[in-house]
Amino acid sequence: VLGNALINMYSKCGSLDDAKIIFDRMPQRNLISWGSIIGAYAQHGKGKEALYLFQQMQLQGVMPNRATFVSIFDVCASHATLAEGKRMHALVAGCPFESDIVVGNTLINMYGKRGSLEDARSTFEQMPKRD
């Protein structure tokens, strides 16, 4: 718990290096740990690093949650190819939060920024609830 709080604190202070040191020194990392460090890199425009950490999280067998997917879709909107964004979208298929409004809106934003209005519209039309 303390490690996760430190990661968040260092991130908010703009010290990603210190956040990563804390993360790397954690004896056990859980979903919150992974989500905190991925979110930190995403919020500071370090998309490549956030995507790498997301892949490492998956290799460790940690399943992403709603917040992690939102961070990754935001990264894909600015720092990834359309193909990478679609690959990430495919990962959320079948998850309980696939129909979540925030996830859907983030996907629409990602597709729009990547220039795929057809995918943005399709995602919008498939959303069971819209805001």
N, C-alpha and C. Protein backbone atom coordinates (compact mmCIF):
# COMPACT_ATOMS: atom_id res chain seq x y z
N VAL A 1 0.83 -1.19 0.00
CA VAL A 1 0.00 0.00 0.00
C VAL A 1 0.88 1.25 0.00
N LEU A 2 1.92 1.26 0.83
CA LEU A 2 2.80 2.41 0.89
C LEU A 2 3.50 2.64 -0.45
N GLY A 3 3.93 1.56 -1.08
CA GLY A 3 4.60 1.68 -2.38
C GLY A 3 3.70 2.31 -3.42
N ASN A 4 2.43 1.90 -3.45
CA ASN A 4 1.48 2.47 -4.40
C ASN A 4 1.27 3.96 -4.13
N ALA A 5 1.18 4.33 -2.86
CA ALA A 5 1.02 5.74 -2.49
C ALA A 5 2.24 6.56 -2.92
N LEU A 6 3.42 5.99 -2.75
CA LEU A 6 4.64 6.69 -3.15
C LEU A 6 4.71 6.87 -4.68
N ILE A 7 4.32 5.83 -5.40
CA ILE A 7 4.29 5.94 -6.87
C ILE A 7 3.37 7.09 -7.27
N ASN A 8 2.19 7.15 -6.69
CA ASN A 8 1.25 8.22 -7.01
C ASN A 8 1.79 9.59 -6.62
N MET A 9 2.43 9.69 -5.45
CA MET A 9 2.97 10.96 -5.00
C MET A 9 4.07 11.45 -5.95
N TYR A 10 5.01 10.56 -6.26
CA TYR A 10 6.10 10.95 -7.15
C TYR A 10 5.57 11.33 -8.53
N SER A 11 4.56 10.62 -8.99
CA SER A 11 3.96 10.94 -10.28
C SER A 11 3.36 12.33 -10.27
N LYS A 12 2.60 12.64 -9.22
CA LYS A 12 1.96 13.95 -9.12
C LYS A 12 2.98 15.07 -9.01
N CYS A 13 4.16 14.74 -8.48
CA CYS A 13 5.24 15.73 -8.38
C CYS A 13 6.08 15.80 -9.65
N GLY A 14 5.77 14.94 -10.61
CA GLY A 14 6.49 14.94 -11.88
C GLY A 14 7.79 14.17 -11.88
N SER A 15 8.00 13.36 -10.85
CA SER A 15 9.24 12.61 -10.74
C SER A 15 9.02 11.13 -11.12
N LEU A 16 8.93 10.88 -12.42
CA LEU A 16 8.69 9.53 -12.90
C LEU A 16 9.85 8.60 -12.57
N ASP A 17 11.07 9.12 -12.57
CA ASP A 17 12.22 8.27 -12.24
C ASP A 17 12.10 7.71 -10.83
N ASP A 18 11.71 8.56 -9.88
CA ASP A 18 11.54 8.09 -8.51
C ASP A 18 10.35 7.13 -8.40
N ALA A 19 9.29 7.41 -9.12
CA ALA A 19 8.13 6.50 -9.12
C ALA A 19 8.54 5.13 -9.64
N LYS A 20 9.32 5.12 -10.69
CA LYS A 20 9.77 3.83 -11.28
C LYS A 20 10.72 3.10 -10.34
N ILE A 21 11.57 3.82 -9.64
CA ILE A 21 12.47 3.18 -8.67
C ILE A 21 11.65 2.48 -7.59
N ILE A 22 10.65 3.16 -7.07
CA ILE A 22 9.78 2.55 -6.05
C ILE A 22 9.11 1.31 -6.63
N PHE A 23 8.57 1.43 -7.82
CA PHE A 23 7.89 0.30 -8.47
C PHE A 23 8.86 -0.87 -8.64
N ASP A 24 10.04 -0.60 -9.15
CA ASP A 24 11.02 -1.66 -9.40
C ASP A 24 11.46 -2.36 -8.12
N ARG A 25 11.44 -1.65 -7.01
CA ARG A 25 11.89 -2.22 -5.73
C ARG A 25 10.78 -2.93 -4.96
N MET A 26 9.57 -2.87 -5.46
CA MET A 26 8.46 -3.52 -4.76
C MET A 26 8.62 -5.03 -4.84
N PRO A 27 8.58 -5.72 -3.70
CA PRO A 27 8.74 -7.18 -3.73
C PRO A 27 7.58 -7.88 -4.42
N GLN A 28 6.39 -7.32 -4.29
CA GLN A 28 5.21 -7.87 -4.96
C GLN A 28 4.42 -6.72 -5.57
N ARG A 29 4.01 -6.93 -6.80
CA ARG A 29 3.23 -5.90 -7.50
C ARG A 29 1.84 -6.46 -7.78
N ASN A 30 0.83 -5.66 -7.47
CA ASN A 30 -0.54 -6.07 -7.76
C ASN A 30 -1.12 -5.17 -8.84
N LEU A 31 -2.39 -5.34 -9.12
CA LEU A 31 -3.05 -4.55 -10.15
C LEU A 31 -2.94 -3.05 -9.87
N ILE A 32 -3.06 -2.67 -8.63
CA ILE A 32 -2.97 -1.25 -8.27
C ILE A 32 -1.57 -0.72 -8.54
N SER A 33 -0.55 -1.50 -8.22
CA SER A 33 0.83 -1.09 -8.48
C SER A 33 1.06 -0.88 -9.97
N TRP A 34 0.65 -1.86 -10.75
CA TRP A 34 0.82 -1.76 -12.20
C TRP A 34 0.02 -0.59 -12.76
N GLY A 35 -1.23 -0.47 -12.33
CA GLY A 35 -2.07 0.62 -12.81
C GLY A 35 -1.52 1.98 -12.45
N SER A 36 -0.93 2.09 -11.27
CA SER A 36 -0.36 3.37 -10.83
C SER A 36 0.82 3.78 -11.70
N ILE A 37 1.72 2.85 -11.97
CA ILE A 37 2.90 3.21 -12.76
C ILE A 37 2.53 3.42 -14.23
N ILE A 38 1.62 2.62 -14.76
CA ILE A 38 1.16 2.82 -16.14
C ILE A 38 0.46 4.16 -16.26
N GLY A 39 -0.41 4.47 -15.32
CA GLY A 39 -1.11 5.75 -15.32
C GLY A 39 -0.15 6.93 -15.20
N ALA A 40 0.88 6.76 -14.40
CA ALA A 40 1.88 7.83 -14.23
C ALA A 40 2.57 8.13 -15.56
N TYR A 41 3.02 7.10 -16.23
CA TYR A 41 3.68 7.31 -17.52
C TYR A 41 2.70 7.87 -18.56
N ALA A 42 1.48 7.37 -18.54
CA ALA A 42 0.47 7.86 -19.50
C ALA A 42 0.19 9.34 -19.28
N GLN A 43 0.02 9.75 -18.03
CA GLN A 43 -0.31 11.14 -17.73
C GLN A 43 0.83 12.10 -18.07
N HIS A 44 2.03 11.60 -18.11
CA HIS A 44 3.18 12.45 -18.39
C HIS A 44 3.67 12.32 -19.84
N GLY A 45 2.81 11.75 -20.71
CA GLY A 45 3.13 11.71 -22.13
C GLY A 45 4.19 10.70 -22.51
N LYS A 46 4.42 9.71 -21.68
CA LYS A 46 5.42 8.68 -21.95
C LYS A 46 4.71 7.42 -22.43
N GLY A 47 4.08 7.54 -23.60
CA GLY A 47 3.25 6.46 -24.13
C GLY A 47 3.99 5.17 -24.40
N LYS A 48 5.15 5.28 -24.98
CA LYS A 48 5.92 4.07 -25.30
C LYS A 48 6.23 3.27 -24.03
N GLU A 49 6.63 3.99 -22.98
CA GLU A 49 6.93 3.33 -21.71
C GLU A 49 5.67 2.73 -21.07
N ALA A 50 4.56 3.46 -21.16
CA ALA A 50 3.30 2.96 -20.60
C ALA A 50 2.86 1.68 -21.31
N LEU A 51 2.99 1.65 -22.64
CA LEU A 51 2.62 0.45 -23.39
C LEU A 51 3.54 -0.72 -23.04
N TYR A 52 4.83 -0.44 -22.87
CA TYR A 52 5.77 -1.49 -22.48
C TYR A 52 5.39 -2.06 -21.10
N LEU A 53 5.09 -1.18 -20.17
CA LEU A 53 4.70 -1.64 -18.83
C LEU A 53 3.40 -2.44 -18.87
N PHE A 54 2.48 -2.01 -19.72
CA PHE A 54 1.22 -2.75 -19.88
C PHE A 54 1.50 -4.17 -20.37
N GLN A 55 2.40 -4.31 -21.32
CA GLN A 55 2.77 -5.64 -21.82
C GLN A 55 3.43 -6.47 -20.73
N GLN A 56 4.30 -5.83 -19.93
CA GLN A 56 4.95 -6.54 -18.85
C GLN A 56 3.93 -7.01 -17.80
N MET A 57 2.95 -6.16 -17.52
CA MET A 57 1.90 -6.51 -16.59
C MET A 57 1.16 -7.77 -17.06
N GLN A 58 0.85 -7.81 -18.34
CA GLN A 58 0.16 -8.97 -18.90
C GLN A 58 1.03 -10.22 -18.82
N LEU A 59 2.32 -10.06 -19.09
CA LEU A 59 3.24 -11.20 -19.01
C LEU A 59 3.33 -11.75 -17.59
N GLN A 60 3.12 -10.89 -16.61
CA GLN A 60 3.13 -11.30 -15.20
C GLN A 60 1.79 -11.93 -14.78
N GLY A 61 0.85 -11.96 -15.71
CA GLY A 61 -0.44 -12.59 -15.42
C GLY A 61 -1.42 -11.69 -14.69
N VAL A 62 -1.16 -10.40 -14.66
CA VAL A 62 -2.06 -9.46 -13.99
C VAL A 62 -3.06 -8.95 -15.03
N MET A 63 -4.32 -9.13 -14.73
CA MET A 63 -5.38 -8.72 -15.66
C MET A 63 -5.70 -7.24 -15.48
N PRO A 64 -5.78 -6.49 -16.57
CA PRO A 64 -6.08 -5.06 -16.47
C PRO A 64 -7.51 -4.81 -16.00
N ASN A 65 -7.70 -3.65 -15.39
CA ASN A 65 -9.05 -3.25 -14.98
C ASN A 65 -9.49 -2.05 -15.81
N ARG A 66 -10.62 -1.50 -15.48
CA ARG A 66 -11.19 -0.38 -16.22
C ARG A 66 -10.22 0.79 -16.29
N ALA A 67 -9.64 1.17 -15.16
CA ALA A 67 -8.74 2.32 -15.11
C ALA A 67 -7.49 2.09 -15.96
N THR A 68 -6.98 0.87 -15.94
CA THR A 68 -5.79 0.56 -16.73
C THR A 68 -6.10 0.67 -18.22
N PHE A 69 -7.24 0.15 -18.64
CA PHE A 69 -7.62 0.26 -20.05
C PHE A 69 -7.83 1.72 -20.45
N VAL A 70 -8.44 2.51 -19.60
CA VAL A 70 -8.64 3.93 -19.92
C VAL A 70 -7.29 4.61 -20.13
N SER A 71 -6.32 4.33 -19.26
CA SER A 71 -4.98 4.90 -19.42
C SER A 71 -4.35 4.45 -20.73
N ILE A 72 -4.48 3.17 -21.04
CA ILE A 72 -3.87 2.64 -22.26
C ILE A 72 -4.55 3.20 -23.51
N PHE A 73 -5.87 3.34 -23.49
CA PHE A 73 -6.55 3.90 -24.65
C PHE A 73 -6.17 5.37 -24.85
N ASP A 74 -5.97 6.10 -23.74
CA ASP A 74 -5.50 7.48 -23.84
C ASP A 74 -4.10 7.52 -24.47
N VAL A 75 -3.24 6.59 -24.07
CA VAL A 75 -1.90 6.50 -24.66
C VAL A 75 -2.00 6.21 -26.15
N CYS A 76 -2.84 5.26 -26.50
CA CYS A 76 -2.99 4.88 -27.91
C CYS A 76 -3.52 6.05 -28.75
N ALA A 77 -4.32 6.92 -28.14
CA ALA A 77 -4.86 8.07 -28.86
C ALA A 77 -3.76 9.01 -29.33
N SER A 78 -2.68 9.06 -28.59
CA SER A 78 -1.62 10.03 -28.91
C SER A 78 -0.29 9.42 -29.31
N HIS A 79 -0.01 8.22 -28.84
CA HIS A 79 1.35 7.69 -28.97
C HIS A 79 1.45 6.32 -29.62
N ALA A 80 0.39 5.86 -30.24
CA ALA A 80 0.43 4.51 -30.82
C ALA A 80 -0.20 4.55 -32.21
N THR A 81 0.03 3.49 -32.94
CA THR A 81 -0.61 3.38 -34.25
C THR A 81 -2.06 2.95 -34.07
N LEU A 82 -2.82 3.14 -35.13
CA LEU A 82 -4.20 2.68 -35.12
C LEU A 82 -4.25 1.17 -34.89
N ALA A 83 -3.34 0.43 -35.49
CA ALA A 83 -3.31 -1.03 -35.32
C ALA A 83 -3.08 -1.40 -33.86
N GLU A 84 -2.19 -0.68 -33.18
CA GLU A 84 -1.94 -0.95 -31.76
C GLU A 84 -3.18 -0.64 -30.94
N GLY A 85 -3.86 0.45 -31.26
CA GLY A 85 -5.10 0.79 -30.57
C GLY A 85 -6.17 -0.26 -30.77
N LYS A 86 -6.28 -0.77 -31.98
CA LYS A 86 -7.26 -1.84 -32.25
C LYS A 86 -6.90 -3.12 -31.50
N ARG A 87 -5.62 -3.40 -31.39
CA ARG A 87 -5.18 -4.58 -30.65
C ARG A 87 -5.57 -4.44 -29.18
N MET A 88 -5.39 -3.25 -28.63
CA MET A 88 -5.78 -3.01 -27.24
C MET A 88 -7.29 -3.09 -27.08
N HIS A 89 -8.02 -2.57 -28.06
CA HIS A 89 -9.48 -2.65 -28.03
C HIS A 89 -9.93 -4.11 -27.99
N ALA A 90 -9.28 -4.95 -28.77
CA ALA A 90 -9.63 -6.37 -28.80
C ALA A 90 -9.45 -7.03 -27.43
N LEU A 91 -8.50 -6.52 -26.64
CA LEU A 91 -8.26 -7.10 -25.31
C LEU A 91 -9.42 -6.86 -24.35
N VAL A 92 -10.14 -5.75 -24.55
CA VAL A 92 -11.24 -5.43 -23.65
C VAL A 92 -12.52 -6.20 -24.02
N ALA A 93 -12.57 -6.76 -25.22
CA ALA A 93 -13.75 -7.51 -25.65
C ALA A 93 -14.00 -8.68 -24.70
N GLY A 94 -15.22 -8.77 -24.24
CA GLY A 94 -15.60 -9.85 -23.35
C GLY A 94 -15.37 -9.54 -21.88
N CYS A 95 -14.72 -8.43 -21.57
CA CYS A 95 -14.51 -8.04 -20.17
C CYS A 95 -15.79 -7.42 -19.63
N PRO A 96 -15.98 -7.46 -18.32
CA PRO A 96 -17.20 -6.90 -17.75
C PRO A 96 -17.37 -5.40 -18.01
N PHE A 97 -16.27 -4.68 -18.16
CA PHE A 97 -16.36 -3.24 -18.37
C PHE A 97 -16.29 -2.85 -19.83
N GLU A 98 -16.46 -3.82 -20.71
CA GLU A 98 -16.48 -3.54 -22.15
C GLU A 98 -17.58 -2.53 -22.48
N SER A 99 -18.70 -2.62 -21.78
CA SER A 99 -19.83 -1.74 -22.05
C SER A 99 -19.83 -0.48 -21.17
N ASP A 100 -18.77 -0.25 -20.43
CA ASP A 100 -18.65 0.90 -19.54
C ASP A 100 -18.61 2.20 -20.37
N ILE A 101 -19.32 3.22 -19.92
CA ILE A 101 -19.39 4.48 -20.65
C ILE A 101 -18.02 5.14 -20.76
N VAL A 102 -17.26 5.15 -19.68
CA VAL A 102 -15.94 5.80 -19.70
C VAL A 102 -15.01 5.07 -20.66
N VAL A 103 -15.01 3.76 -20.62
CA VAL A 103 -14.19 2.97 -21.55
C VAL A 103 -14.62 3.26 -22.99
N GLY A 104 -15.92 3.25 -23.24
CA GLY A 104 -16.43 3.52 -24.58
C GLY A 104 -16.04 4.91 -25.08
N ASN A 105 -16.20 5.91 -24.21
CA ASN A 105 -15.83 7.28 -24.61
C ASN A 105 -14.34 7.39 -24.89
N THR A 106 -13.53 6.71 -24.11
CA THR A 106 -12.09 6.74 -24.33
C THR A 106 -11.73 6.06 -25.65
N LEU A 107 -12.42 4.98 -25.96
CA LEU A 107 -12.20 4.32 -27.26
C LEU A 107 -12.60 5.22 -28.42
N ILE A 108 -13.73 5.89 -28.30
CA ILE A 108 -14.18 6.80 -29.35
C ILE A 108 -13.15 7.91 -29.55
N ASN A 109 -12.64 8.45 -28.44
CA ASN A 109 -11.60 9.48 -28.51
C ASN A 109 -10.35 8.94 -29.21
N MET A 110 -9.95 7.73 -28.84
CA MET A 110 -8.76 7.12 -29.45
C MET A 110 -8.94 6.98 -30.96
N TYR A 111 -10.06 6.42 -31.37
CA TYR A 111 -10.28 6.23 -32.80
C TYR A 111 -10.36 7.57 -33.54
N GLY A 112 -10.99 8.54 -32.92
CA GLY A 112 -11.08 9.86 -33.54
C GLY A 112 -9.72 10.49 -33.73
N LYS A 113 -8.90 10.43 -32.70
CA LYS A 113 -7.55 11.02 -32.79
C LYS A 113 -6.65 10.26 -33.76
N ARG A 114 -6.91 8.98 -33.95
CA ARG A 114 -6.12 8.18 -34.88
C ARG A 114 -6.68 8.27 -36.30
N GLY A 115 -7.77 9.03 -36.46
CA GLY A 115 -8.32 9.27 -37.79
C GLY A 115 -9.25 8.20 -38.31
N SER A 116 -9.73 7.33 -37.42
CA SER A 116 -10.63 6.27 -37.86
C SER A 116 -12.06 6.58 -37.38
N LEU A 117 -12.72 7.47 -38.11
CA LEU A 117 -14.06 7.86 -37.72
C LEU A 117 -15.05 6.72 -37.83
N GLU A 118 -14.80 5.80 -38.75
CA GLU A 118 -15.67 4.63 -38.90
C GLU A 118 -15.64 3.78 -37.63
N ASP A 119 -14.44 3.54 -37.09
CA ASP A 119 -14.33 2.77 -35.85
C ASP A 119 -14.91 3.53 -34.67
N ALA A 120 -14.72 4.85 -34.65
CA ALA A 120 -15.29 5.67 -33.58
C ALA A 120 -16.81 5.57 -33.59
N ARG A 121 -17.39 5.69 -34.77
CA ARG A 121 -18.85 5.61 -34.89
C ARG A 121 -19.35 4.21 -34.53
N SER A 122 -18.66 3.19 -34.99
CA SER A 122 -19.06 1.82 -34.68
C SER A 122 -19.02 1.57 -33.17
N THR A 123 -17.99 2.06 -32.52
CA THR A 123 -17.88 1.92 -31.07
C THR A 123 -19.04 2.63 -30.38
N PHE A 124 -19.33 3.84 -30.84
CA PHE A 124 -20.45 4.61 -30.29
C PHE A 124 -21.77 3.86 -30.44
N GLU A 125 -22.00 3.33 -31.62
CA GLU A 125 -23.26 2.65 -31.89
C GLU A 125 -23.41 1.35 -31.08
N GLN A 126 -22.29 0.75 -30.70
CA GLN A 126 -22.34 -0.50 -29.93
C GLN A 126 -22.47 -0.27 -28.43
N MET A 127 -22.32 0.97 -28.00
CA MET A 127 -22.42 1.28 -26.57
C MET A 127 -23.88 1.14 -26.11
N PRO A 128 -24.12 0.34 -25.06
CA PRO A 128 -25.50 0.20 -24.59
C PRO A 128 -26.04 1.47 -23.94
N LYS A 129 -25.14 2.26 -23.33
CA LYS A 129 -25.52 3.54 -22.72
C LYS A 129 -24.59 4.60 -23.29
N ARG A 130 -25.16 5.77 -23.54
CA ARG A 130 -24.37 6.87 -24.10
C ARG A 130 -24.63 8.11 -23.26
N ASP A 131 -23.58 8.90 -23.12
CA ASP A 131 -23.78 10.17 -22.39
C ASP A 131 -23.50 11.36 -23.28
